[in-house]
Amino acid sequence: MQITHLNMNLKGDSAGIIDPELEGKLDIAEAERMIRVALLCTNMSPTLRPNMSEVVKMLQGETEIKQSISDPSVYGDDLHFKAT
């Protein structure tokens, strides 16, 4: 996943990171919720990451998803994602 994809999601345009073949088979709002929670869980600052009970509530739609997602571009070129 490239930083540009993360930036798209932060601006509300998740269409660029959801597989087009899933169109009509996927609840877009649910997919966006999962993406936003995943970004919170991988925040560079451990204190900004939700605990598991918060994650479950956010995924179930019982709790608002925090808006404190850090913009990945603030980390410059030091933030790279690699498949293992």
C-alpha atoms as a PDB file:
ATOM      1  CA  MET A   1       0.000   0.000   0.000  1.00  0.00           C
ATOM      2  CA  GLN A   2       1.417   3.343  -0.958  1.00  0.00           C
ATOM      3  CA  ILE A   3       1.184   6.551   1.002  1.00  0.00           C
ATOM      4  CA  THR A   4      -0.913   8.084  -1.789  1.00  0.00           C
ATOM      5  CA  HIS A   5      -3.593   5.483  -1.106  1.00  0.00           C
ATOM      6  CA  LEU A   6      -3.589   6.367   2.573  1.00  0.00           C
ATOM      7  CA  ASN A   7      -3.845  10.046   1.716  1.00  0.00           C
ATOM      8  CA  MET A   8      -6.829   9.339  -0.546  1.00  0.00           C
ATOM      9  CA  ASN A   9      -8.597   7.632   2.322  1.00  0.00           C
ATOM     10  CA  LEU A  10      -7.895  10.491   4.684  1.00  0.00           C
ATOM     11  CA  LYS A  11      -9.558  12.848   2.218  1.00  0.00           C
ATOM     12  CA  GLY A  12     -12.639  10.613   1.971  1.00  0.00           C
ATOM     13  CA  ASP A  13     -11.894   9.058  -1.423  1.00  0.00           C
ATOM     14  CA  SER A  14     -11.650   5.351  -0.709  1.00  0.00           C
ATOM     15  CA  ALA A  15     -12.627   4.286  -4.227  1.00  0.00           C
ATOM     16  CA  GLY A  16      -8.955   4.113  -5.187  1.00  0.00           C
ATOM     17  CA  ILE A  17      -8.148   1.425  -2.637  1.00  0.00           C
ATOM     18  CA  ILE A  18     -11.228  -0.809  -2.829  1.00  0.00           C
ATOM     19  CA  ASP A  19     -11.044  -3.587  -5.415  1.00  0.00           C
ATOM     20  CA  PRO A  20     -13.389  -2.645  -8.303  1.00  0.00           C
ATOM     21  CA  GLU A  21     -14.358  -6.312  -8.698  1.00  0.00           C
ATOM     22  CA  LEU A  22     -16.113  -6.078  -5.332  1.00  0.00           C
ATOM     23  CA  GLU A  23     -18.543  -3.467  -6.672  1.00  0.00           C
ATOM     24  CA  GLY A  24     -22.070  -4.473  -5.778  1.00  0.00           C
ATOM     25  CA  LYS A  25     -20.816  -7.204  -3.438  1.00  0.00           C
ATOM     26  CA  LEU A  26     -19.406  -4.949  -0.744  1.00  0.00           C
ATOM     27  CA  ASP A  27     -20.953  -2.464   1.639  1.00  0.00           C
ATOM     28  CA  ILE A  28     -18.808   0.593   0.888  1.00  0.00           C
ATOM     29  CA  ALA A  29     -19.594   2.236   4.241  1.00  0.00           C
ATOM     30  CA  GLU A  30     -18.471  -0.917   6.052  1.00  0.00           C
ATOM     31  CA  ALA A  31     -15.276  -1.106   3.984  1.00  0.00           C
ATOM     32  CA  GLU A  32     -14.501   2.545   4.719  1.00  0.00           C
ATOM     33  CA  ARG A  33     -15.115   1.920   8.426  1.00  0.00           C
ATOM     34  CA  MET A  34     -12.642  -0.997   8.356  1.00  0.00           C
ATOM     35  CA  ILE A  35     -10.043   1.121   6.543  1.00  0.00           C
ATOM     36  CA  ARG A  36     -10.357   4.002   9.019  1.00  0.00           C
ATOM     37  CA  VAL A  37     -10.102   1.640  12.003  1.00  0.00           C
ATOM     38  CA  ALA A  38      -7.077  -0.062  10.431  1.00  0.00           C
ATOM     39  CA  LEU A  39      -5.391   3.323  10.034  1.00  0.00           C
ATOM     40  CA  LEU A  40      -6.071   4.127  13.680  1.00  0.00           C
ATOM     41  CA  CYS A  41      -4.624   0.766  14.741  1.00  0.00           C
ATOM     42  CA  THR A  42      -1.426   1.388  12.783  1.00  0.00           C
ATOM     43  CA  ASN A  43      -0.896   4.956  13.948  1.00  0.00           C
ATOM     44  CA  MET A  44       2.775   5.783  14.473  1.00  0.00           C
ATOM     45  CA  SER A  45       1.959   6.977  17.994  1.00  0.00           C
ATOM     46  CA  PRO A  46       0.969   4.091  20.304  1.00  0.00           C
ATOM     47  CA  THR A  47      -1.020   6.469  22.508  1.00  0.00           C
ATOM     48  CA  LEU A  48      -3.330   7.289  19.583  1.00  0.00           C
ATOM     49  CA  ARG A  49      -4.092   3.630  18.825  1.00  0.00           C
ATOM     50  CA  PRO A  50      -7.429   2.297  20.113  1.00  0.00           C
ATOM     51  CA  ASN A  51      -7.582  -0.677  22.469  1.00  0.00           C
ATOM     52  CA  MET A  52      -9.290  -3.849  21.246  1.00  0.00           C
ATOM     53  CA  SER A  53     -12.626  -3.166  22.937  1.00  0.00           C
ATOM     54  CA  GLU A  54     -12.729   0.230  21.181  1.00  0.00           C
ATOM     55  CA  VAL A  55     -11.836  -1.443  17.866  1.00  0.00           C
ATOM     56  CA  VAL A  56     -14.688  -3.938  18.214  1.00  0.00           C
ATOM     57  CA  LYS A  57     -17.183  -1.178  19.045  1.00  0.00           C
ATOM     58  CA  MET A  58     -15.999   0.940  16.103  1.00  0.00           C
ATOM     59  CA  LEU A  59     -16.239  -2.007  13.687  1.00  0.00           C
ATOM     60  CA  GLN A  60     -19.725  -2.874  14.945  1.00  0.00           C
ATOM     61  CA  GLY A  61     -20.801   0.749  14.499  1.00  0.00           C
ATOM     62  CA  GLU A  62     -21.499   1.210  18.216  1.00  0.00           C
ATOM     63  CA  THR A  63     -18.881   3.956  18.622  1.00  0.00           C
ATOM     64  CA  GLU A  64     -17.836   6.838  16.403  1.00  0.00           C
ATOM     65  CA  ILE A  65     -14.463   6.338  14.754  1.00  0.00           C
ATOM     66  CA  LYS A  66     -11.955   8.786  16.170  1.00  0.00           C
ATOM     67  CA  GLN A  67     -10.909  11.561  13.812  1.00  0.00           C
ATOM     68  CA  SER A  68      -7.342  11.702  15.124  1.00  0.00           C
ATOM     69  CA  ILE A  69      -5.843   9.792  12.210  1.00  0.00           C
ATOM     70  CA  SER A  70      -2.391  11.205  11.567  1.00  0.00           C
ATOM     71  CA  ASP A  71      -1.558  12.260   8.047  1.00  0.00           C
ATOM     72  CA  PRO A  72       1.084   9.723   6.922  1.00  0.00           C
ATOM     73  CA  SER A  73       2.838  12.385   4.852  1.00  0.00           C
ATOM     74  CA  VAL A  74       4.129  14.009   8.058  1.00  0.00           C
ATOM     75  CA  TYR A  75       6.517  11.076   8.422  1.00  0.00           C
ATOM     76  CA  GLY A  76       8.167  11.784   5.073  1.00  0.00           C
ATOM     77  CA  ASP A  77       9.932   8.993   3.222  1.00  0.00           C
ATOM     78  CA  ASP A  78      10.635   7.073   6.432  1.00  0.00           C
ATOM     79  CA  LEU A  79       7.218   5.402   6.314  1.00  0.00           C
ATOM     80  CA  HIS A  80       7.196   2.483   3.880  1.00  0.00           C
ATOM     81  CA  PHE A  81       4.957  -0.549   3.746  1.00  0.00           C
ATOM     82  CA  LYS A  82       6.438  -3.776   2.435  1.00  0.00           C
ATOM     83  CA  ALA A  83       4.838  -7.160   1.950  1.00  0.00           C
ATOM     84  CA  THR A  84       6.452  -9.891   4.007  1.00  0.00           C
END
